[in-house]
Protein backbone atom coordinates (compact mmCIF):
# COMPACT_ATOMS: atom_id res chain seq x y z
CA MET A 1 -9.46 16.16 26.40
CA ARG A 2 -12.39 13.68 25.57
CA ALA A 3 -13.36 10.96 27.90
CA GLY A 4 -12.45 7.14 27.77
CA LEU A 5 -12.33 5.41 24.50
CA CYS A 6 -14.26 8.49 22.39
CA MET A 7 -10.99 10.13 22.57
CA LYS A 8 -10.10 11.43 19.01
CA ILE A 9 -6.83 10.01 17.08
CA SER A 10 -5.09 11.75 13.95
CA VAL A 11 -2.81 9.58 12.22
CA ILE A 12 0.17 11.15 9.93
CA THR A 13 1.44 9.32 7.41
CA ALA A 14 4.25 10.99 5.28
CA CYS A 15 4.15 10.14 1.68
CA LEU A 16 6.13 10.35 -1.65
CA ASN A 17 5.62 8.57 -4.87
CA ARG A 18 4.08 5.63 -2.65
CA LYS A 19 1.62 4.26 -5.27
CA GLU A 20 2.02 0.87 -5.25
CA PHE A 21 1.74 0.97 -0.77
CA ILE A 22 -0.09 3.67 0.34
CA GLY A 23 -4.22 1.78 -0.38
CA ALA A 24 -3.20 -0.77 2.03
CA ALA A 25 -1.91 1.87 4.61
CA ILE A 26 -5.13 3.97 4.25
CA GLU A 27 -7.25 0.69 4.63
CA SER A 28 -5.35 -0.52 7.72
CA VAL A 29 -6.65 2.68 9.66
CA LEU A 30 -9.76 2.18 7.85
CA THR A 31 -10.48 -1.24 9.17
CA GLN A 32 -9.56 -0.40 12.73
CA ASN A 33 -13.57 0.33 13.20
CA TYR A 34 -12.93 3.40 15.62
CA PRO A 35 -15.29 5.69 16.03
CA ASP A 36 -13.48 9.00 16.01
CA PHE A 37 -10.48 9.46 14.34
CA GLU A 38 -8.98 11.89 11.20
CA HIS A 39 -6.00 10.62 8.91
CA TRP A 40 -3.58 13.26 7.12
CA ILE A 41 -1.57 12.22 4.18
CA ILE A 42 1.33 14.87 4.13
CA ASP A 43 2.52 14.42 0.67
CA GLY A 44 5.67 16.00 -0.76
CA GLY A 45 4.33 16.59 -4.51
CA SER A 46 4.10 12.41 -5.70
CA SER A 47 3.73 12.29 -9.63
CA ASP A 48 3.42 8.61 -9.64
CA GLY A 49 -0.26 8.11 -9.52
CA THR A 50 -0.15 8.52 -5.50
CA LEU A 51 -2.54 11.27 -6.06
CA ASP A 52 -5.16 9.61 -7.91
CA VAL A 53 -5.52 6.68 -5.03
CA LEU A 54 -5.67 9.28 -2.45
CA ASN A 55 -8.53 10.76 -4.39
CA ARG A 56 -10.41 7.60 -3.94
CA TYR A 57 -10.62 8.21 -0.22
CA PRO A 58 -13.05 11.60 0.68
CA HIS A 59 -12.29 10.94 4.08
CA LEU A 60 -8.99 12.02 4.07
CA LYS A 61 -7.52 15.48 4.82
CA VAL A 62 -3.98 15.83 2.21
CA LEU A 63 -1.84 18.33 1.80
CA SER A 64 0.62 17.87 -0.97
CA GLU A 65 3.46 20.46 -1.56
CA PRO A 66 7.22 20.03 -1.66
CA ASP A 67 9.04 19.84 2.05
CA SER A 68 12.12 19.06 3.15
CA GLY A 69 11.93 15.14 3.97
CA VAL A 70 9.87 12.63 5.88
CA TYR A 71 10.47 14.44 9.61
CA ASP A 72 9.30 17.77 8.17
CA ALA A 73 6.04 16.20 6.92
CA TRP A 74 5.87 14.96 10.22
CA ASN A 75 6.06 18.17 11.95
CA LYS A 76 3.32 19.84 9.17
CA GLY A 77 1.06 16.89 10.44
CA ILE A 78 1.46 17.64 13.74
CA ASP A 79 0.11 21.66 13.29
CA ARG A 80 -2.66 20.52 11.97
CA VAL A 81 -4.16 17.79 13.63
CA ASN A 82 -6.97 18.31 16.03
CA GLY A 83 -6.93 14.89 17.89
CA ASP A 84 -6.11 13.97 21.48
CA VAL A 85 -3.57 11.05 20.46
CA VAL A 86 -1.40 11.19 17.44
CA SER A 87 0.20 8.14 15.80
CA ILE A 88 2.51 8.37 12.75
CA LEU A 89 2.08 5.67 9.61
CA ASN A 90 4.53 5.17 7.09
CA SER A 91 3.16 5.08 3.76
CA ASP A 92 4.24 1.55 3.22
CA ASP A 93 3.29 0.01 6.58
CA VAL A 94 0.31 -0.89 8.00
CA TYR A 95 -1.36 -1.10 11.85
CA ALA A 96 -2.04 -4.63 13.22
CA ALA A 97 -6.12 -5.12 13.72
CA GLY A 98 -7.64 -3.79 16.65
CA ALA A 99 -4.90 -1.21 17.68
CA PHE A 100 -6.63 2.10 17.69
CA HIS A 101 -9.02 0.39 20.75
CA LYS A 102 -6.38 -1.10 22.83
CA CYS A 103 -4.33 2.42 22.28
CA ALA A 104 -7.76 4.10 23.98
CA ARG A 105 -8.53 1.61 26.74
CA ILE A 106 -4.39 2.10 27.83
CA PHE A 107 -5.15 6.24 28.32
CA ALA A 108 -8.42 5.48 29.90
CA ALA A 109 -7.23 3.24 32.20
CA SER A 110 -3.59 5.38 32.42
CA PRO A 111 -4.98 9.28 32.64
CA SER A 112 -1.41 10.49 33.58
CA ALA A 113 0.32 8.22 30.81
CA GLN A 114 1.30 10.10 27.78
CA VAL A 115 2.78 7.54 25.51
CA ALA A 116 1.19 4.44 24.45
CA SER A 117 3.88 1.55 23.44
CA GLY A 118 2.81 -1.65 21.88
CA GLY A 119 4.32 -4.49 19.78
CA CYS A 120 5.98 -4.55 16.08
CA GLN A 121 6.15 -7.13 13.47
CA ILE A 122 8.26 -7.02 10.88
CA PHE A 123 7.15 -8.86 7.39
CA ARG A 124 8.36 -9.42 3.70
CA MET A 125 6.63 -10.04 0.72
CA GLY A 126 7.43 -13.82 -0.73
CA ARG A 127 7.80 -15.46 -3.80
CA GLN A 128 4.46 -16.18 -4.02
CA GLY A 129 2.92 -13.11 -2.96
CA ASN A 130 2.00 -13.91 1.07
CA PRO A 131 3.55 -11.69 4.05
CA VAL A 132 6.14 -13.67 5.84
CA GLU A 133 7.16 -12.59 9.27
CA MET A 134 10.72 -11.38 9.93
CA HIS A 135 10.94 -10.38 13.34
CA ARG A 136 8.11 -9.71 16.00
CA TYR A 137 9.09 -7.73 18.94
CA GLN A 138 6.11 -8.31 22.08
CA ASP A 139 8.06 -7.69 24.89
CA PRO A 140 7.47 -4.61 26.87
CA GLU A 141 10.83 -4.16 28.56
CA ARG A 142 12.62 -4.16 25.00
CA TYR A 143 10.37 -1.02 24.05
CA ARG A 144 8.86 0.58 27.36
CA LEU A 145 10.24 4.48 27.35
CA CYS A 146 13.51 4.54 28.73
CA LEU A 147 17.41 6.02 27.03
CA ARG A 148 18.54 1.88 26.76
CA ASN A 149 15.41 1.19 24.97
CA ALA A 150 15.46 4.61 22.73
CA THR A 151 19.00 3.36 22.11
CA VAL A 152 20.23 0.27 22.19
CA GLY A 153 16.79 -1.33 22.62
CA LEU A 154 13.76 -0.85 20.48
CA PRO A 155 12.99 2.45 19.74
CA ILE A 156 10.05 2.09 17.04
CA ILE A 157 8.18 5.15 17.06
CA ASN A 158 5.24 4.02 14.87
CA SER A 159 4.16 1.19 17.52
CA ARG A 160 3.87 3.94 19.72
CA PHE A 161 0.67 6.40 20.42
CA PHE A 162 1.12 9.72 21.88
CA ARG A 163 -0.74 12.41 23.39
CA ARG A 164 -0.87 15.68 21.50
CA SER A 165 0.14 17.43 24.25
CA LEU A 166 3.61 15.99 24.67
CA PHE A 167 4.28 17.82 21.17
CA ASP A 168 3.67 21.03 22.76
CA ARG A 169 5.82 19.87 26.13
CA LEU A 170 8.97 18.85 23.77
CA GLY A 171 8.75 19.94 20.91
CA ARG A 172 8.60 18.80 16.94
CA PHE A 173 11.01 16.65 15.32
CA ASP A 174 14.47 18.29 14.65
CA LEU A 175 14.96 18.44 10.98
CA ALA A 176 19.18 18.38 11.60
CA TYR A 177 18.54 14.68 11.70
CA ALA A 178 17.59 13.67 8.61
CA VAL A 179 17.63 9.68 9.10
CA SER A 180 17.10 9.31 12.64
CA SER A 181 15.53 12.61 14.16
CA ASP A 182 11.91 9.86 15.27
CA ARG A 183 14.96 7.98 17.26
CA GLU A 184 15.88 11.88 18.76
CA PHE A 185 12.53 12.37 19.79
CA LEU A 186 12.60 9.54 21.80
CA VAL A 187 15.66 10.13 23.54
CA ARG A 188 14.68 13.52 24.36
CA ALA A 189 11.41 12.03 25.44
CA ALA A 190 13.08 9.58 27.80
CA LEU A 191 15.66 12.34 29.41
CA SER A 192 12.62 14.19 29.93
CA GLY A 193 11.17 11.59 32.39
CA ILE A 194 8.31 11.05 30.02
CA GLN A 195 5.51 8.31 31.11
CA ASP A 196 4.51 5.41 28.92
CA VAL A 197 2.50 2.19 29.27
CA SER A 198 3.37 -0.46 27.20
CA SER A 199 1.57 -3.52 25.84
CA PRO A 200 2.88 -6.74 24.78
CA GLU A 201 0.09 -6.78 21.88
CA ILE A 202 1.80 -6.30 18.35
CA PHE A 203 0.03 -2.29 17.38
CA TYR A 204 1.98 -2.34 14.41
CA ARG A 205 3.51 -4.23 11.14
CA TYR A 206 6.55 -3.30 9.35
CA CYS A 207 6.32 -3.79 5.63
CA TRP A 208 10.47 -4.74 4.56
CA HIS A 209 11.32 -4.05 1.22
CA ALA A 210 13.70 -2.91 -1.48
CA GLY A 211 12.96 0.49 -0.53
CA SER A 212 13.51 0.51 3.10
CA LEU A 213 15.10 3.58 4.53
CA THR A 214 16.69 2.03 7.11
CA MET A 215 15.94 -2.28 6.66
CA ASN A 216 18.90 -3.06 4.40
CA ALA A 217 22.35 -3.41 4.82
CA GLY A 218 24.50 -1.42 2.59
CA ASN A 219 21.38 1.50 2.53
CA ARG A 220 22.95 4.37 2.43
CA SER A 221 20.45 5.62 4.63
CA LEU A 222 21.06 3.06 7.07
CA LEU A 223 24.82 4.54 7.27
CA ARG A 224 24.18 8.17 7.86
CA GLY A 225 21.43 6.86 10.78
CA LEU A 226 24.25 5.31 12.42
CA ASP A 227 26.86 8.66 11.97
CA GLU A 228 23.70 10.92 13.60
CA GLY A 229 23.45 8.37 16.18
CA LEU A 230 27.23 8.81 17.52
CA GLN A 231 26.57 12.88 16.75
CA MET A 232 23.28 12.43 19.62
CA VAL A 233 25.87 10.59 22.09
CA LYS A 234 28.20 13.79 21.72
CA LYS A 235 25.44 16.36 21.93
CA ILE A 236 23.80 14.48 25.25
CA ARG A 237 27.21 14.56 26.27
CA ALA A 238 27.51 18.01 26.49
CA SER A 239 24.58 19.14 26.60
CA CYS A 240 23.47 17.47 30.14
CA SER A 241 24.52 16.10 33.45
CA LEU A 242 24.01 12.07 32.70
CA ARG A 243 23.50 9.63 35.71
CA PRO A 244 26.06 7.04 35.81
CA ASP A 245 23.82 4.04 34.07
CA ASP A 246 22.54 6.68 31.43
CA ASP A 247 26.53 6.92 30.62
CA GLN A 248 26.98 3.38 30.57
CA THR A 249 23.90 3.27 28.54
CA LEU A 250 24.82 6.01 25.54
CA ARG A 251 28.61 4.17 25.91
CA GLN A 252 27.32 0.87 25.11
CA TRP A 253 25.19 2.51 22.07
CA GLU A 254 27.88 4.19 20.43
CA ARG A 255 30.05 0.85 20.20
CA GLN A 256 27.36 -1.09 18.45
CA LEU A 257 26.77 2.07 16.32
CA GLN A 258 30.43 1.92 15.69
CA ALA A 259 30.27 -1.43 14.81
CA THR A 260 27.42 -1.85 12.69
CA MET A 261 29.06 0.76 10.70
CA VAL A 262 32.18 -1.10 10.11
CA MET A 263 29.81 -4.25 8.96
CA VAL A 264 27.68 -1.97 7.03
CA LEU A 265 30.92 -0.24 5.29
CA THR A 266 32.55 -3.93 4.75
CA VAL A 267 29.20 -5.10 3.27
CA MET A 268 29.66 -1.89 0.87
CA ARG A 269 33.18 -2.83 0.32
CA ASP A 270 35.27 -0.09 1.57
CA ARG A 271 37.17 -2.20 3.46
CA GLU A 272 39.65 0.29 4.33
CA ALA A 273 36.85 2.62 5.87
CA ALA A 274 36.38 -0.03 7.63
CA LEU A 275 39.52 -1.40 8.62
CA SER A 276 40.31 2.31 10.11
CA LEU A 277 37.00 2.76 12.08
CA ALA A 278 37.39 -0.58 13.61
CA LYS A 279 40.87 0.21 15.08
CA GLN A 280 39.61 3.75 15.87
CA SER A 281 37.02 2.17 18.10
CA PHE A 282 39.25 -0.29 19.23
CA LEU A 283 41.75 2.03 20.64
CA ALA A 284 39.29 4.41 22.12
CA ASP A 285 37.50 1.03 24.10
CA PRO A 286 38.85 -2.48 24.05
CA ARG A 287 35.44 -3.11 24.58
CA TRP A 288 34.60 -2.63 21.57
CA LEU A 289 35.89 -6.11 19.89
CA PHE A 290 33.57 -7.56 22.16
CA THR A 291 29.94 -5.79 21.06
CA PHE A 292 31.44 -6.37 17.50
CA LEU A 293 31.48 -10.10 17.69
CA ARG A 294 28.00 -10.20 19.43
CA CYS A 295 26.37 -7.65 16.56
CA GLY A 296 28.25 -9.75 14.05
CA ALA A 297 26.78 -12.81 15.38
CA LEU A 298 22.99 -11.48 15.90
CA ALA A 299 22.98 -10.38 12.17
CA ILE A 300 24.21 -13.69 11.03
CA GLY A 301 21.51 -15.10 12.87
CA ARG A 302 18.94 -12.66 11.66
CA ARG A 303 20.12 -13.21 8.15
CA VAL A 304 19.76 -17.14 8.16
CA ARG A 305 16.73 -16.61 9.96
CA THR A 306 15.35 -14.38 7.02
CA HIS A 307 16.24 -16.85 4.19
CA PHE A 308 14.77 -19.75 6.05
CA ARG A 309 11.80 -17.60 6.40
CA MET A 310 11.61 -16.78 3.01
CA TRP A 311 11.94 -20.56 1.77
CA ALA A 312 9.96 -21.48 4.02
CA GLU A 313 6.96 -18.61 3.28
CA PRO A 314 3.91 -19.63 5.10
CA THR A 315 0.62 -19.25 3.55
CA SER A 316 -0.71 -16.32 5.16
CA LEU A 317 -0.33 -13.63 8.37
CA LYS A 318 -4.16 -13.23 8.86
CA ASN A 319 -4.06 -13.78 12.69
CA LEU A 320 -2.80 -9.93 12.34
């Protein structure tokens, strides 16, 4: 292990036909001005000119071959990196300025920590081409590594930096989960008692766009992710003995997943399935109705805020 701020950071980016976004992701790594890093691009066989963009950056380590999805690509990257710390950057997202140095300081100050967790900003590009902030998460209590935050809290994996040795201890991303293996990994880490240090600093900037896998209501990937969450609940309950508070957390998460699924089905105009699931969920646990109403109110509030911010459209987000 390299000492102090000289620890090497390995970045893994899974990529498939991201010509429009990949350049900004790569540049956000370079502008960290961090002295010791490597950036692996695990490309699934792009055919849109993405590889031409990658060829402009000689520092990149590129593997381009067919894969079984984003988590398979991440696993390939983990098998190849040689840094002390691993971070995962989506091909359409960017790091916040100074994230690498902040991460290195956290690990230097807390040698026993296995994960450094930071805040996240979600933004969209406005009509005038300016980035518009949709959400900002900077309360460490909402994303510190624990079962509650990995389920009903903020499980965002990209704003976390992991000791490379953690993947030897916990294993890789489970390919049985096509959409939510990142959440499953964090749940596994939380149940294993992995220690993290959480910072209120923004580490990561998530770009919300029409092609986002899990950020759009009515998206089939979002629906699949919710179903995979319900599968996780069953698997966890069947495979380990839970503390009462952890069991309550899983019950709350189950209600939240079901409530969100009903809303997504409604947006997709599958009202028959939505009504059937709502009835089933309420009969199984009447508290589900309160969860549904709360989730609905939050969703409406977010939608109103999103429309207002897109309408207002500030000139820039250069402070991040």
